[in-house]
Amino acid sequence: MYCQECQQRPATLHFTKIINGKKNEFHICEQCAKEKGDLIPGSNSFSIHNLLSGLLNFDQPLSDTNNPQPEKQVIQCDQCGLSYAEFAKIGRFGCPNCYKTFEPKLTPMFKRIHGGNTNHTGKIPKRIGNELIERKKIDQLKQKLQQLIAQEEFEEAANVRDQIRMMEKRFEGGS
């Protein structure tokens, strides 16, 4: 596929922009992208690490001269020694323990990027996903049951409990 701008060089960058609800795809070469200014701000390349680094720095407060901020505590992984600043710079974790270590900073970022969601739910196939859909409904009802018990709404909790039992019986009978 050739660049849509110059029609001479192979397209190495593929952008998808959604403008007013319409999906537009652009396939351009690196040189045309530099000329048009479609580069990721502050980078000389199209590295995903640079993109991730930009996202990780969203929680940096703007400097306020009237209210000086105390120095932040340095968060560092116990196992590999990687600091959050180093992670933000290189865009990669040093070990699996980094996920747990940096979780307080990652969760708000994931919420912002994913529209408030922090759990991956995925898609369920329509033809063969009935069992999974039923299990999810049962799990949701169990969570609702726990909330009702905590709120001491025992009559409603009993109704939900009966609904769970009925669904589980139907589920076990159908399998």
C-alpha atoms as a PDB file:
ATOM      1  CA  MET A   1       0.000   0.000   0.000  1.00  0.00           C
ATOM      2  CA  TYR A   2       1.371   3.361  -1.024  1.00  0.00           C
ATOM      3  CA  CYS A   3       1.142   6.667   0.829  1.00  0.00           C
ATOM      4  CA  GLN A   4      -2.148   8.479   0.224  1.00  0.00           C
ATOM      5  CA  GLU A   5      -0.357  11.836   0.149  1.00  0.00           C
ATOM      6  CA  CYS A   6       2.633  11.390  -2.143  1.00  0.00           C
ATOM      7  CA  GLN A   7       1.672   8.103  -3.870  1.00  0.00           C
ATOM      8  CA  GLN A   8       5.411   7.314  -4.078  1.00  0.00           C
ATOM      9  CA  ARG A   9       6.605   5.712  -0.844  1.00  0.00           C
ATOM     10  CA  PRO A  10       5.098   2.741   1.017  1.00  0.00           C
ATOM     11  CA  ALA A  11       2.657   3.702   3.758  1.00  0.00           C
ATOM     12  CA  THR A  12       4.192   2.825   7.102  1.00  0.00           C
ATOM     13  CA  LEU A  13       1.772   4.722   9.336  1.00  0.00           C
ATOM     14  CA  HIS A  14      -1.873   3.873   9.544  1.00  0.00           C
ATOM     15  CA  PHE A  15      -4.140   6.268  11.426  1.00  0.00           C
ATOM     16  CA  THR A  16      -7.802   5.913  12.208  1.00  0.00           C
ATOM     17  CA  LYS A  17      -9.514   9.141  13.134  1.00  0.00           C
ATOM     18  CA  ILE A  18     -13.139   9.387  14.186  1.00  0.00           C
ATOM     19  CA  ILE A  19     -14.510  12.776  13.206  1.00  0.00           C
ATOM     20  CA  ASN A  20     -18.173  13.572  13.927  1.00  0.00           C
ATOM     21  CA  GLY A  21     -18.898   9.871  14.327  1.00  0.00           C
ATOM     22  CA  LYS A  22     -17.362   8.939  10.960  1.00  0.00           C
ATOM     23  CA  LYS A  23     -14.350   6.649  10.804  1.00  0.00           C
ATOM     24  CA  ASN A  24     -11.566   7.889   8.515  1.00  0.00           C
ATOM     25  CA  GLU A  25      -8.479   5.813   7.792  1.00  0.00           C
ATOM     26  CA  PHE A  26      -5.232   7.366   6.653  1.00  0.00           C
ATOM     27  CA  HIS A  27      -2.259   5.482   5.267  1.00  0.00           C
ATOM     28  CA  ILE A  28       0.814   7.665   4.894  1.00  0.00           C
ATOM     29  CA  CYS A  29       4.573   7.380   4.828  1.00  0.00           C
ATOM     30  CA  GLU A  30       6.727   8.664   7.661  1.00  0.00           C
ATOM     31  CA  GLN A  31       8.068  11.608   5.648  1.00  0.00           C
ATOM     32  CA  CYS A  32       4.580  12.897   4.751  1.00  0.00           C
ATOM     33  CA  ALA A  33       3.478  12.453   8.356  1.00  0.00           C
ATOM     34  CA  LYS A  34       6.353  14.642   9.518  1.00  0.00           C
ATOM     35  CA  GLU A  35       5.477  17.271   6.932  1.00  0.00           C
ATOM     36  CA  LYS A  36       1.781  17.243   7.891  1.00  0.00           C
ATOM     37  CA  GLY A  37       2.549  17.253  11.625  1.00  0.00           C
ATOM     38  CA  ASP A  38       0.737  14.001  12.428  1.00  0.00           C
ATOM     39  CA  LEU A  39       3.554  12.907  14.679  1.00  0.00           C
ATOM     40  CA  ILE A  40       2.928  12.131  18.299  1.00  0.00           C
ATOM     41  CA  PRO A  41       3.697  15.377  20.136  1.00  0.00           C
ATOM     42  CA  GLY A  42       7.172  15.558  21.611  1.00  0.00           C
ATOM     43  CA  SER A  43       8.550  12.500  19.824  1.00  0.00           C
ATOM     44  CA  ASN A  44      10.808  11.930  16.872  1.00  0.00           C
ATOM     45  CA  SER A  45       9.370   8.499  16.170  1.00  0.00           C
ATOM     46  CA  PHE A  46       6.127   6.612  16.352  1.00  0.00           C
ATOM     47  CA  SER A  47       7.116   4.412  19.273  1.00  0.00           C
ATOM     48  CA  ILE A  48       4.266   2.998  21.324  1.00  0.00           C
ATOM     49  CA  HIS A  49       6.527   3.490  24.341  1.00  0.00           C
ATOM     50  CA  ASN A  50       6.527   7.238  23.783  1.00  0.00           C
ATOM     51  CA  LEU A  51       2.750   7.208  23.476  1.00  0.00           C
ATOM     52  CA  LEU A  52       2.420   5.250  26.719  1.00  0.00           C
ATOM     53  CA  SER A  53       4.863   7.574  28.444  1.00  0.00           C
ATOM     54  CA  GLY A  54       2.677  10.529  27.514  1.00  0.00           C
ATOM     55  CA  LEU A  55      -0.356   8.802  28.982  1.00  0.00           C
ATOM     56  CA  LEU A  56       1.466   7.974  32.191  1.00  0.00           C
ATOM     57  CA  ASN A  57       2.314  11.603  32.865  1.00  0.00           C
ATOM     58  CA  PHE A  58      -1.331  12.725  32.958  1.00  0.00           C
ATOM     59  CA  ASP A  59      -1.392  12.904  36.748  1.00  0.00           C
ATOM     60  CA  GLN A  60       1.422  15.458  36.951  1.00  0.00           C
ATOM     61  CA  PRO A  61      -0.099  18.566  38.538  1.00  0.00           C
ATOM     62  CA  LEU A  62       0.439  21.947  36.972  1.00  0.00           C
ATOM     63  CA  SER A  63       2.885  24.017  38.945  1.00  0.00           C
ATOM     64  CA  ASP A  64       1.111  26.345  41.362  1.00  0.00           C
ATOM     65  CA  THR A  65       3.301  29.042  42.833  1.00  0.00           C
ATOM     66  CA  ASN A  66       0.738  29.916  45.529  1.00  0.00           C
ATOM     67  CA  ASN A  67       0.481  26.336  46.792  1.00  0.00           C
ATOM     68  CA  PRO A  68       3.872  24.620  46.636  1.00  0.00           C
ATOM     69  CA  GLN A  69       3.632  20.812  46.499  1.00  0.00           C
ATOM     70  CA  PRO A  70       5.755  18.685  48.820  1.00  0.00           C
ATOM     71  CA  GLU A  71       8.201  16.378  47.110  1.00  0.00           C
ATOM     72  CA  LYS A  72       6.566  13.174  45.947  1.00  0.00           C
ATOM     73  CA  GLN A  73       7.588   9.845  47.354  1.00  0.00           C
ATOM     74  CA  VAL A  74       9.469   7.720  44.827  1.00  0.00           C
ATOM     75  CA  ILE A  75       7.598   4.494  44.055  1.00  0.00           C
ATOM     76  CA  GLN A  76       9.970   1.662  43.265  1.00  0.00           C
ATOM     77  CA  CYS A  77       9.441  -2.053  42.595  1.00  0.00           C
ATOM     78  CA  ASP A  78      10.769  -4.282  45.384  1.00  0.00           C
ATOM     79  CA  GLN A  79      11.840  -7.064  43.033  1.00  0.00           C
ATOM     80  CA  CYS A  80      13.468  -5.369  40.038  1.00  0.00           C
ATOM     81  CA  GLY A  81      14.134  -1.873  41.441  1.00  0.00           C
ATOM     82  CA  LEU A  82      12.336  -0.065  38.603  1.00  0.00           C
ATOM     83  CA  SER A  83      10.974   3.327  39.638  1.00  0.00           C
ATOM     84  CA  TYR A  84       7.704   4.767  38.353  1.00  0.00           C
ATOM     85  CA  ALA A  85       9.628   7.595  36.650  1.00  0.00           C
ATOM     86  CA  GLU A  86      11.767   5.057  34.781  1.00  0.00           C
ATOM     87  CA  PHE A  87       8.644   3.089  33.818  1.00  0.00           C
ATOM     88  CA  ALA A  88       7.007   6.250  32.485  1.00  0.00           C
ATOM     89  CA  LYS A  89      10.132   7.015  30.477  1.00  0.00           C
ATOM     90  CA  ILE A  90      10.660   3.594  28.863  1.00  0.00           C
ATOM     91  CA  GLY A  91       7.027   2.433  28.817  1.00  0.00           C
ATOM     92  CA  ARG A  92       7.781  -1.113  30.004  1.00  0.00           C
ATOM     93  CA  PHE A  93       7.634  -2.922  33.293  1.00  0.00           C
ATOM     94  CA  GLY A  94      10.742  -4.609  34.634  1.00  0.00           C
ATOM     95  CA  CYS A  95       8.950  -7.634  36.122  1.00  0.00           C
ATOM     96  CA  PRO A  96       5.451  -8.981  36.877  1.00  0.00           C
ATOM     97  CA  ASN A  97       5.568  -7.450  40.383  1.00  0.00           C
ATOM     98  CA  CYS A  98       5.626  -3.940  38.832  1.00  0.00           C
ATOM     99  CA  TYR A  99       1.884  -4.252  38.103  1.00  0.00           C
ATOM    100  CA  LYS A 100       1.176  -4.578  41.831  1.00  0.00           C
ATOM    101  CA  THR A 101       3.710  -1.943  42.835  1.00  0.00           C
ATOM    102  CA  PHE A 102       2.424   0.739  40.439  1.00  0.00           C
ATOM    103  CA  GLU A 103      -1.281  -0.189  40.740  1.00  0.00           C
ATOM    104  CA  PRO A 104      -2.266   3.008  42.621  1.00  0.00           C
ATOM    105  CA  LYS A 105      -0.998   5.094  39.691  1.00  0.00           C
ATOM    106  CA  LEU A 106      -2.173   2.719  36.942  1.00  0.00           C
ATOM    107  CA  THR A 107      -5.807   2.337  38.022  1.00  0.00           C
ATOM    108  CA  PRO A 108      -6.731   6.037  37.528  1.00  0.00           C
ATOM    109  CA  MET A 109      -4.962   6.003  34.153  1.00  0.00           C
ATOM    110  CA  PHE A 110      -6.869   2.891  33.023  1.00  0.00           C
ATOM    111  CA  LYS A 111     -10.141   4.448  34.178  1.00  0.00           C
ATOM    112  CA  ARG A 112      -9.411   7.554  32.149  1.00  0.00           C
ATOM    113  CA  ILE A 113      -8.364   5.668  29.030  1.00  0.00           C
ATOM    114  CA  HIS A 114     -11.164   3.088  29.139  1.00  0.00           C
ATOM    115  CA  GLY A 115     -14.063   5.349  30.069  1.00  0.00           C
ATOM    116  CA  GLY A 116     -14.210   4.361  33.737  1.00  0.00           C
ATOM    117  CA  ASN A 117     -13.763   0.601  33.266  1.00  0.00           C
ATOM    118  CA  THR A 118     -10.917  -1.207  34.974  1.00  0.00           C
ATOM    119  CA  ASN A 119     -12.014  -4.796  34.340  1.00  0.00           C
ATOM    120  CA  HIS A 120     -11.806  -6.446  30.946  1.00  0.00           C
ATOM    121  CA  THR A 121     -15.086  -8.147  30.171  1.00  0.00           C
ATOM    122  CA  GLY A 122     -14.560  -8.973  26.518  1.00  0.00           C
ATOM    123  CA  LYS A 123     -17.230  -9.989  24.075  1.00  0.00           C
ATOM    124  CA  ILE A 124     -19.394 -13.069  24.287  1.00  0.00           C
ATOM    125  CA  PRO A 125     -20.123 -15.069  21.121  1.00  0.00           C
ATOM    126  CA  LYS A 126     -23.863 -15.009  20.408  1.00  0.00           C
ATOM    127  CA  ARG A 127     -24.149 -18.562  19.097  1.00  0.00           C
ATOM    128  CA  ILE A 128     -22.245 -20.395  21.821  1.00  0.00           C
ATOM    129  CA  GLY A 129     -22.150 -17.890  24.667  1.00  0.00           C
ATOM    130  CA  ASN A 130     -25.445 -18.731  26.405  1.00  0.00           C
ATOM    131  CA  GLU A 131     -23.739 -20.627  29.219  1.00  0.00           C
ATOM    132  CA  LEU A 132     -21.321 -17.787  29.876  1.00  0.00           C
ATOM    133  CA  ILE A 133     -24.126 -15.207  29.799  1.00  0.00           C
ATOM    134  CA  GLU A 134     -26.111 -17.216  32.362  1.00  0.00           C
ATOM    135  CA  ARG A 135     -23.069 -17.558  34.634  1.00  0.00           C
ATOM    136  CA  LYS A 136     -22.474 -13.792  34.457  1.00  0.00           C
ATOM    137  CA  LYS A 137     -26.097 -13.104  35.368  1.00  0.00           C
ATOM    138  CA  ILE A 138     -25.821 -15.473  38.339  1.00  0.00           C
ATOM    139  CA  ASP A 139     -22.610 -13.755  39.476  1.00  0.00           C
ATOM    140  CA  GLN A 140     -24.268 -10.332  39.200  1.00  0.00           C
ATOM    141  CA  LEU A 141     -27.247 -11.547  41.222  1.00  0.00           C
ATOM    142  CA  LYS A 142     -24.898 -12.938  43.889  1.00  0.00           C
ATOM    143  CA  GLN A 143     -23.225  -9.515  44.158  1.00  0.00           C
ATOM    144  CA  LYS A 144     -26.630  -7.876  44.416  1.00  0.00           C
ATOM    145  CA  LEU A 145     -27.585 -10.398  47.123  1.00  0.00           C
ATOM    146  CA  GLN A 146     -24.512  -9.468  49.169  1.00  0.00           C
ATOM    147  CA  GLN A 147     -25.355  -5.764  48.848  1.00  0.00           C
ATOM    148  CA  LEU A 148     -28.939  -6.354  49.954  1.00  0.00           C
ATOM    149  CA  ILE A 149     -27.782  -8.344  52.973  1.00  0.00           C
ATOM    150  CA  ALA A 150     -25.336  -5.580  53.898  1.00  0.00           C
ATOM    151  CA  GLN A 151     -28.173  -3.049  53.634  1.00  0.00           C
ATOM    152  CA  GLU A 152     -30.383  -5.361  55.731  1.00  0.00           C
ATOM    153  CA  GLU A 153     -33.045  -5.589  53.030  1.00  0.00           C
ATOM    154  CA  PHE A 154     -33.803  -9.213  53.800  1.00  0.00           C
ATOM    155  CA  GLU A 155     -37.099  -9.582  51.926  1.00  0.00           C
ATOM    156  CA  GLU A 156     -35.578  -8.396  48.666  1.00  0.00           C
ATOM    157  CA  ALA A 157     -32.495 -10.526  49.412  1.00  0.00           C
ATOM    158  CA  ALA A 158     -34.722 -13.596  49.762  1.00  0.00           C
ATOM    159  CA  ASN A 159     -36.291 -12.865  46.361  1.00  0.00           C
ATOM    160  CA  VAL A 160     -32.858 -12.541  44.756  1.00  0.00           C
ATOM    161  CA  ARG A 161     -31.693 -15.747  46.506  1.00  0.00           C
ATOM    162  CA  ASP A 162     -34.710 -17.614  45.087  1.00  0.00           C
ATOM    163  CA  GLN A 163     -33.987 -16.202  41.636  1.00  0.00           C
ATOM    164  CA  ILE A 164     -30.362 -17.407  41.871  1.00  0.00           C
ATOM    165  CA  ARG A 165     -31.484 -20.892  42.939  1.00  0.00           C
ATOM    166  CA  MET A 166     -33.975 -21.068  40.080  1.00  0.00           C
ATOM    167  CA  MET A 167     -31.335 -20.023  37.527  1.00  0.00           C
ATOM    168  CA  GLU A 168     -28.762 -22.453  38.920  1.00  0.00           C
ATOM    169  CA  LYS A 169     -31.289 -25.309  38.860  1.00  0.00           C
ATOM    170  CA  ARG A 170     -32.225 -24.477  35.258  1.00  0.00           C
ATOM    171  CA  PHE A 171     -28.536 -24.181  34.378  1.00  0.00           C
ATOM    172  CA  GLU A 172     -27.649 -27.554  35.931  1.00  0.00           C
ATOM    173  CA  GLY A 173     -30.703 -29.225  34.376  1.00  0.00           C
ATOM    174  CA  GLY A 174     -29.860 -27.915  30.909  1.00  0.00           C
ATOM    175  CA  SER A 175     -26.243 -29.118  30.953  1.00  0.00           C
END
